[in-house]
Amino acid sequence: MSAPTLPPPGATTDPGTRLLDSLEALVRRHRALRTAGPDGVSDRADVLHAELITAEVAQQLAVARNALRRRPRTA
């Protein structure tokens, strides 16, 4: 598990954007961490199940990001 980090100076501080960015990073890390089993072959069912969950999260992130882009920002 990675430790939360502060945004770099000048970066957006919008909590919604930070949350979406963090979740997208989680999806990327999850996909990068998939490894083969002890015999060098991944268990196909486990890999497919994990990818299905990851794809659903990625889809929901895209929907949320598009909805936020369509909403006018208020001060």
PDB file of N, CA and C in Angstrom:
ATOM      1  N   MET A   1       0.844  -1.168   0.000  1.00  0.00           N
ATOM      2  CA  MET A   1       0.000   0.000   0.000  1.00  0.00           C
ATOM      3  C   MET A   1       0.888   1.228   0.000  1.00  0.00           C
ATOM      4  N   SER A   2       0.549   2.196  -0.812  1.00  0.00           N
ATOM      5  CA  SER A   2       1.375   3.389  -0.895  1.00  0.00           C
ATOM      6  C   SER A   2       0.869   4.451   0.066  1.00  0.00           C
ATOM      7  N   ALA A   3       1.785   5.272   0.521  1.00  0.00           N
ATOM      8  CA  ALA A   3       1.425   6.355   1.429  1.00  0.00           C
ATOM      9  C   ALA A   3       0.870   7.524   0.638  1.00  0.00           C
ATOM     10  N   PRO A   4      -0.141   8.219   1.184  1.00  0.00           N
ATOM     11  CA  PRO A   4      -0.664   9.384   0.482  1.00  0.00           C
ATOM     12  C   PRO A   4       0.406  10.460   0.377  1.00  0.00           C
ATOM     13  N   THR A   5       0.388  11.172  -0.698  1.00  0.00           N
ATOM     14  CA  THR A   5       1.362  12.239  -0.895  1.00  0.00           C
ATOM     15  C   THR A   5       0.637  13.548  -1.117  1.00  0.00           C
ATOM     16  N   LEU A   6       1.312  14.624  -0.800  1.00  0.00           N
ATOM     17  CA  LEU A   6       0.757  15.949  -1.047  1.00  0.00           C
ATOM     18  C   LEU A   6       0.943  16.301  -2.510  1.00  0.00           C
ATOM     19  N   PRO A   7      -0.012  17.053  -3.075  1.00  0.00           N
ATOM     20  CA  PRO A   7       0.161  17.458  -4.469  1.00  0.00           C
ATOM     21  C   PRO A   7       1.339  18.411  -4.599  1.00  0.00           C
ATOM     22  N   PRO A   8       2.028  18.397  -5.733  1.00  0.00           N
ATOM     23  CA  PRO A   8       3.145  19.316  -5.920  1.00  0.00           C
ATOM     24  C   PRO A   8       2.650  20.757  -5.923  1.00  0.00           C
ATOM     25  N   PRO A   9       3.529  21.716  -5.595  1.00  0.00           N
ATOM     26  CA  PRO A   9       3.126  23.119  -5.602  1.00  0.00           C
ATOM     27  C   PRO A   9       2.546  23.508  -6.958  1.00  0.00           C
ATOM     28  N   GLY A  10       1.446  24.229  -6.920  1.00  0.00           N
ATOM     29  CA  GLY A  10       0.818  24.675  -8.155  1.00  0.00           C
ATOM     30  C   GLY A  10      -0.152  23.664  -8.742  1.00  0.00           C
ATOM     31  N   ALA A  11      -0.197  22.467  -8.181  1.00  0.00           N
ATOM     32  CA  ALA A  11      -1.113  21.442  -8.686  1.00  0.00           C
ATOM     33  C   ALA A  11      -2.517  21.726  -8.169  1.00  0.00           C
ATOM     34  N   THR A  12      -3.484  21.134  -8.824  1.00  0.00           N
ATOM     35  CA  THR A  12      -4.862  21.335  -8.406  1.00  0.00           C
ATOM     36  C   THR A  12      -5.071  20.808  -6.991  1.00  0.00           C
ATOM     37  N   THR A  13      -5.879  21.505  -6.231  1.00  0.00           N
ATOM     38  CA  THR A  13      -6.183  21.056  -4.881  1.00  0.00           C
ATOM     39  C   THR A  13      -7.641  20.628  -4.769  1.00  0.00           C
ATOM     40  N   ASP A  14      -8.317  20.499  -5.909  1.00  0.00           N
ATOM     41  CA  ASP A  14      -9.706  20.062  -5.915  1.00  0.00           C
ATOM     42  C   ASP A  14      -9.779  18.637  -5.387  1.00  0.00           C
ATOM     43  N   PRO A  15     -10.519  18.417  -4.298  1.00  0.00           N
ATOM     44  CA  PRO A  15     -10.569  17.077  -3.708  1.00  0.00           C
ATOM     45  C   PRO A  15     -11.132  16.022  -4.656  1.00  0.00           C
ATOM     46  N   GLY A  16     -12.119  16.380  -5.458  1.00  0.00           N
ATOM     47  CA  GLY A  16     -12.688  15.423  -6.406  1.00  0.00           C
ATOM     48  C   GLY A  16     -11.664  14.970  -7.428  1.00  0.00           C
ATOM     49  N   THR A  17     -10.907  15.915  -7.951  1.00  0.00           N
ATOM     50  CA  THR A  17      -9.874  15.588  -8.936  1.00  0.00           C
ATOM     51  C   THR A  17      -8.786  14.732  -8.305  1.00  0.00           C
ATOM     52  N   ARG A  18      -8.386  15.076  -7.089  1.00  0.00           N
ATOM     53  CA  ARG A  18      -7.364  14.283  -6.390  1.00  0.00           C
ATOM     54  C   ARG A  18      -7.849  12.856  -6.162  1.00  0.00           C
ATOM     55  N   LEU A  19      -9.120  12.711  -5.768  1.00  0.00           N
ATOM     56  CA  LEU A  19      -9.669  11.380  -5.535  1.00  0.00           C
ATOM     57  C   LEU A  19      -9.666  10.563  -6.820  1.00  0.00           C
ATOM     58  N   LEU A  20     -10.139  11.163  -7.908  1.00  0.00           N
ATOM     59  CA  LEU A  20     -10.171  10.443  -9.182  1.00  0.00           C
ATOM     60  C   LEU A  20      -8.765  10.086  -9.648  1.00  0.00           C
ATOM     61  N   ASP A  21      -7.825  11.017  -9.509  1.00  0.00           N
ATOM     62  CA  ASP A  21      -6.435  10.733  -9.894  1.00  0.00           C
ATOM     63  C   ASP A  21      -5.862   9.581  -9.069  1.00  0.00           C
ATOM     64  N   SER A  22      -6.155   9.580  -7.775  1.00  0.00           N
ATOM     65  CA  SER A  22      -5.652   8.518  -6.900  1.00  0.00           C
ATOM     66  C   SER A  22      -6.239   7.165  -7.272  1.00  0.00           C
ATOM     67  N   LEU A  23      -7.532   7.144  -7.587  1.00  0.00           N
ATOM     68  CA  LEU A  23      -8.162   5.882  -7.975  1.00  0.00           C
ATOM     69  C   LEU A  23      -7.626   5.378  -9.306  1.00  0.00           C
ATOM     70  N   GLU A  24      -7.373   6.290 -10.239  1.00  0.00           N
ATOM     71  CA  GLU A  24      -6.786   5.877 -11.518  1.00  0.00           C
ATOM     72  C   GLU A  24      -5.383   5.318 -11.312  1.00  0.00           C
ATOM     73  N   ALA A  25      -4.614   5.925 -10.405  1.00  0.00           N
ATOM     74  CA  ALA A  25      -3.280   5.407 -10.096  1.00  0.00           C
ATOM     75  C   ALA A  25      -3.387   4.014  -9.472  1.00  0.00           C
ATOM     76  N   LEU A  26      -4.395   3.806  -8.632  1.00  0.00           N
ATOM     77  CA  LEU A  26      -4.620   2.495  -8.033  1.00  0.00           C
ATOM     78  C   LEU A  26      -4.898   1.444  -9.105  1.00  0.00           C
ATOM     79  N   VAL A  27      -5.713   1.789 -10.083  1.00  0.00           N
ATOM     80  CA  VAL A  27      -6.005   0.866 -11.186  1.00  0.00           C
ATOM     81  C   VAL A  27      -4.724   0.526 -11.940  1.00  0.00           C
ATOM     82  N   ARG A  28      -3.899   1.549 -12.235  1.00  0.00           N
ATOM     83  CA  ARG A  28      -2.636   1.299 -12.948  1.00  0.00           C
ATOM     84  C   ARG A  28      -1.716   0.392 -12.137  1.00  0.00           C
ATOM     85  N   ARG A  29      -1.600   0.654 -10.830  1.00  0.00           N
ATOM     86  CA  ARG A  29      -0.741  -0.178  -9.979  1.00  0.00           C
ATOM     87  C   ARG A  29      -1.263  -1.606  -9.908  1.00  0.00           C
ATOM     88  N   HIS A  30      -2.568  -1.757  -9.795  1.00  0.00           N
ATOM     89  CA  HIS A  30      -3.152  -3.096  -9.715  1.00  0.00           C
ATOM     90  C   HIS A  30      -2.836  -3.886 -10.978  1.00  0.00           C
ATOM     91  N   ARG A  31      -3.001  -3.261 -12.121  1.00  0.00           N
ATOM     92  CA  ARG A  31      -2.722  -3.957 -13.381  1.00  0.00           C
ATOM     93  C   ARG A  31      -1.235  -4.279 -13.506  1.00  0.00           C
ATOM     94  N   ALA A  32      -0.374  -3.408 -13.009  1.00  0.00           N
ATOM     95  CA  ALA A  32       1.072  -3.626 -13.109  1.00  0.00           C
ATOM     96  C   ALA A  32       1.549  -4.724 -12.160  1.00  0.00           C
ATOM     97  N   LEU A  33       0.836  -4.961 -11.074  1.00  0.00           N
ATOM     98  CA  LEU A  33       1.275  -5.925 -10.064  1.00  0.00           C
ATOM     99  C   LEU A  33       0.843  -7.357 -10.343  1.00  0.00           C
ATOM    100  N   ARG A  34       0.007  -7.557 -11.347  1.00  0.00           N
ATOM    101  CA  ARG A  34      -0.420  -8.928 -11.651  1.00  0.00           C
ATOM    102  C   ARG A  34       0.803  -9.769 -11.978  1.00  0.00           C
ATOM    103  N   THR A  35       0.933 -10.885 -11.301  1.00  0.00           N
ATOM    104  CA  THR A  35       2.095 -11.754 -11.524  1.00  0.00           C
ATOM    105  C   THR A  35       1.641 -13.175 -11.805  1.00  0.00           C
ATOM    106  N   ALA A  36       2.543 -13.952 -12.323  1.00  0.00           N
ATOM    107  CA  ALA A  36       2.260 -15.364 -12.593  1.00  0.00           C
ATOM    108  C   ALA A  36       2.324 -16.153 -11.296  1.00  0.00           C
ATOM    109  N   GLY A  37       1.668 -17.307 -11.299  1.00  0.00           N
ATOM    110  CA  GLY A  37       1.683 -18.191 -10.140  1.00  0.00           C
ATOM    111  C   GLY A  37       3.024 -18.883  -9.990  1.00  0.00           C
ATOM    112  N   PRO A  38       3.141 -19.807  -9.007  1.00  0.00           N
ATOM    113  CA  PRO A  38       4.420 -20.480  -8.747  1.00  0.00           C
ATOM    114  C   PRO A  38       4.928 -21.307  -9.926  1.00  0.00           C
ATOM    115  N   ASP A  39       4.026 -21.787 -10.771  1.00  0.00           N
ATOM    116  CA  ASP A  39       4.454 -22.581 -11.924  1.00  0.00           C
ATOM    117  C   ASP A  39       4.723 -21.711 -13.152  1.00  0.00           C
ATOM    118  N   GLY A  40       4.686 -20.387 -12.966  1.00  0.00           N
ATOM    119  CA  GLY A  40       4.948 -19.477 -14.073  1.00  0.00           C
ATOM    120  C   GLY A  40       3.714 -19.144 -14.893  1.00  0.00           C
ATOM    121  N   VAL A  41       2.585 -19.717 -14.511  1.00  0.00           N
ATOM    122  CA  VAL A  41       1.337 -19.474 -15.235  1.00  0.00           C
ATOM    123  C   VAL A  41       0.327 -18.866 -14.270  1.00  0.00           C
ATOM    124  N   SER A  42      -0.328 -17.816 -14.691  1.00  0.00           N
ATOM    125  CA  SER A  42      -1.344 -17.195 -13.853  1.00  0.00           C
ATOM    126  C   SER A  42      -2.598 -18.050 -13.837  1.00  0.00           C
ATOM    127  N   ASP A  43      -3.287 -18.050 -12.704  1.00  0.00           N
ATOM    128  CA  ASP A  43      -4.585 -18.707 -12.642  1.00  0.00           C
ATOM    129  C   ASP A  43      -5.561 -17.842 -13.432  1.00  0.00           C
ATOM    130  N   ARG A  44      -6.015 -18.357 -14.547  1.00  0.00           N
ATOM    131  CA  ARG A  44      -6.826 -17.585 -15.498  1.00  0.00           C
ATOM    132  C   ARG A  44      -8.084 -17.005 -14.851  1.00  0.00           C
ATOM    133  N   ALA A  45      -8.765 -17.772 -14.027  1.00  0.00           N
ATOM    134  CA  ALA A  45      -9.991 -17.284 -13.399  1.00  0.00           C
ATOM    135  C   ALA A  45      -9.696 -16.102 -12.480  1.00  0.00           C
ATOM    136  N   ASP A  46      -8.619 -16.201 -11.696  1.00  0.00           N
ATOM    137  CA  ASP A  46      -8.261 -15.100 -10.798  1.00  0.00           C
ATOM    138  C   ASP A  46      -7.892 -13.850 -11.580  1.00  0.00           C
ATOM    139  N   VAL A  47      -7.121 -14.015 -12.642  1.00  0.00           N
ATOM    140  CA  VAL A  47      -6.706 -12.878 -13.461  1.00  0.00           C
ATOM    141  C   VAL A  47      -7.921 -12.218 -14.097  1.00  0.00           C
ATOM    142  N   LEU A  48      -8.826 -13.025 -14.640  1.00  0.00           N
ATOM    143  CA  LEU A  48     -10.020 -12.466 -15.275  1.00  0.00           C
ATOM    144  C   LEU A  48     -10.917 -11.766 -14.264  1.00  0.00           C
ATOM    145  N   HIS A  49     -11.053 -12.346 -13.072  1.00  0.00           N
ATOM    146  CA  HIS A  49     -11.867 -11.721 -12.037  1.00  0.00           C
ATOM    147  C   HIS A  49     -11.268 -10.385 -11.614  1.00  0.00           C
ATOM    148  N   ALA A  50      -9.965 -10.361 -11.389  1.00  0.00           N
ATOM    149  CA  ALA A  50      -9.299  -9.116 -11.000  1.00  0.00           C
ATOM    150  C   ALA A  50      -9.418  -8.069 -12.105  1.00  0.00           C
ATOM    151  N   GLU A  51      -9.279  -8.483 -13.355  1.00  0.00           N
ATOM    152  CA  GLU A  51      -9.389  -7.530 -14.462  1.00  0.00           C
ATOM    153  C   GLU A  51     -10.810  -7.009 -14.594  1.00  0.00           C
ATOM    154  N   LEU A  52     -11.800  -7.852 -14.352  1.00  0.00           N
ATOM    155  CA  LEU A  52     -13.192  -7.406 -14.408  1.00  0.00           C
ATOM    156  C   LEU A  52     -13.446  -6.317 -13.372  1.00  0.00           C
ATOM    157  N   ILE A  53     -12.983  -6.536 -12.154  1.00  0.00           N
ATOM    158  CA  ILE A  53     -13.155  -5.532 -11.103  1.00  0.00           C
ATOM    159  C   ILE A  53     -12.417  -4.254 -11.476  1.00  0.00           C
ATOM    160  N   THR A  54     -11.192  -4.387 -11.952  1.00  0.00           N
ATOM    161  CA  THR A  54     -10.400  -3.222 -12.346  1.00  0.00           C
ATOM    162  C   THR A  54     -11.074  -2.459 -13.475  1.00  0.00           C
ATOM    163  N   ALA A  55     -11.609  -3.167 -14.448  1.00  0.00           N
ATOM    164  CA  ALA A  55     -12.285  -2.514 -15.572  1.00  0.00           C
ATOM    165  C   ALA A  55     -13.538  -1.782 -15.112  1.00  0.00           C
ATOM    166  N   GLU A  56     -14.270  -2.364 -14.168  1.00  0.00           N
ATOM    167  CA  GLU A  56     -15.463  -1.694 -13.651  1.00  0.00           C
ATOM    168  C   GLU A  56     -15.094  -0.410 -12.915  1.00  0.00           C
ATOM    169  N   VAL A  57     -14.027  -0.459 -12.121  1.00  0.00           N
ATOM    170  CA  VAL A  57     -13.567   0.751 -11.427  1.00  0.00           C
ATOM    171  C   VAL A  57     -13.141   1.803 -12.445  1.00  0.00           C
ATOM    172  N   ALA A  58     -12.392   1.397 -13.460  1.00  0.00           N
ATOM    173  CA  ALA A  58     -11.944   2.338 -14.490  1.00  0.00           C
ATOM    174  C   ALA A  58     -13.135   2.955 -15.218  1.00  0.00           C
ATOM    175  N   GLN A  59     -14.161   2.172 -15.493  1.00  0.00           N
ATOM    176  CA  GLN A  59     -15.363   2.688 -16.162  1.00  0.00           C
ATOM    177  C   GLN A  59     -16.073   3.719 -15.284  1.00  0.00           C
ATOM    178  N   GLN A  60     -16.211   3.419 -14.003  1.00  0.00           N
ATOM    179  CA  GLN A  60     -16.869   4.360 -13.098  1.00  0.00           C
ATOM    180  C   GLN A  60     -16.061   5.647 -12.959  1.00  0.00           C
ATOM    181  N   LEU A  61     -14.734   5.533 -12.977  1.00  0.00           N
ATOM    182  CA  LEU A  61     -13.889   6.729 -12.942  1.00  0.00           C
ATOM    183  C   LEU A  61     -14.127   7.589 -14.171  1.00  0.00           C
ATOM    184  N   ALA A  62     -14.217   6.975 -15.323  1.00  0.00           N
ATOM    185  CA  ALA A  62     -14.455   7.724 -16.560  1.00  0.00           C
ATOM    186  C   ALA A  62     -15.811   8.418 -16.516  1.00  0.00           C
ATOM    187  N   VAL A  63     -16.827   7.732 -16.028  1.00  0.00           N
ATOM    188  CA  VAL A  63     -18.164   8.323 -15.921  1.00  0.00           C
ATOM    189  C   VAL A  63     -18.134   9.513 -14.965  1.00  0.00           C
ATOM    190  N   ALA A  64     -17.498   9.342 -13.810  1.00  0.00           N
ATOM    191  CA  ALA A  64     -17.431  10.429 -12.827  1.00  0.00           C
ATOM    192  C   ALA A  64     -16.657  11.620 -13.370  1.00  0.00           C
ATOM    193  N   ARG A  65     -15.536  11.359 -14.031  1.00  0.00           N
ATOM    194  CA  ARG A  65     -14.737  12.453 -14.593  1.00  0.00           C
ATOM    195  C   ARG A  65     -15.521  13.224 -15.656  1.00  0.00           C
ATOM    196  N   ASN A  66     -16.223  12.513 -16.528  1.00  0.00           N
ATOM    197  CA  ASN A  66     -17.026  13.181 -17.556  1.00  0.00           C
ATOM    198  C   ASN A  66     -18.144  14.009 -16.933  1.00  0.00           C
ATOM    199  N   ALA A  67     -18.782  13.493 -15.899  1.00  0.00           N
ATOM    200  CA  ALA A  67     -19.848  14.241 -15.229  1.00  0.00           C
ATOM    201  C   ALA A  67     -19.292  15.505 -14.585  1.00  0.00           C
ATOM    202  N   LEU A  68     -18.120  15.402 -13.968  1.00  0.00           N
ATOM    203  CA  LEU A  68     -17.515  16.580 -13.336  1.00  0.00           C
ATOM    204  C   LEU A  68     -17.110  17.616 -14.374  1.00  0.00           C
ATOM    205  N   ARG A  69     -16.677  17.192 -15.537  1.00  0.00           N
ATOM    206  CA  ARG A  69     -16.293  18.138 -16.593  1.00  0.00           C
ATOM    207  C   ARG A  69     -17.505  18.895 -17.126  1.00  0.00           C
ATOM    208  N   ARG A  70     -18.665  18.257 -17.130  1.00  0.00           N
ATOM    209  CA  ARG A  70     -19.873  18.899 -17.652  1.00  0.00           C
ATOM    210  C   ARG A  70     -20.482  19.882 -16.659  1.00  0.00           C
ATOM    211  N   ARG A  71     -20.193  19.706 -15.369  1.00  0.00           N
ATOM    212  CA  ARG A  71     -20.753  20.596 -14.349  1.00  0.00           C
ATOM    213  C   ARG A  71     -20.005  21.908 -14.329  1.00  0.00           C
ATOM    214  N   PRO A  72     -20.741  23.024 -14.319  1.00  0.00           N
ATOM    215  CA  PRO A  72     -20.046  24.310 -14.180  1.00  0.00           C
ATOM    216  C   PRO A  72     -19.474  24.433 -12.767  1.00  0.00           C
ATOM    217  N   ARG A  73     -18.290  24.983 -12.694  1.00  0.00           N
ATOM    218  CA  ARG A  73     -17.647  25.164 -11.384  1.00  0.00           C
ATOM    219  C   ARG A  73     -18.176  26.426 -10.726  1.00  0.00           C
ATOM    220  N   THR A  74     -18.404  26.331  -9.428  1.00  0.00           N
ATOM    221  CA  THR A  74     -18.843  27.494  -8.666  1.00  0.00           C
ATOM    222  C   THR A  74     -17.789  27.825  -7.631  1.00  0.00           C
ATOM    223  N   ALA A  75     -17.704  29.090  -7.303  1.00  0.00           N
ATOM    224  CA  ALA A  75     -16.677  29.529  -6.352  1.00  0.00           C
ATOM    225  C   ALA A  75     -17.089  29.317  -4.940  1.00  0.00           C
TER     226      ALA A  75
END
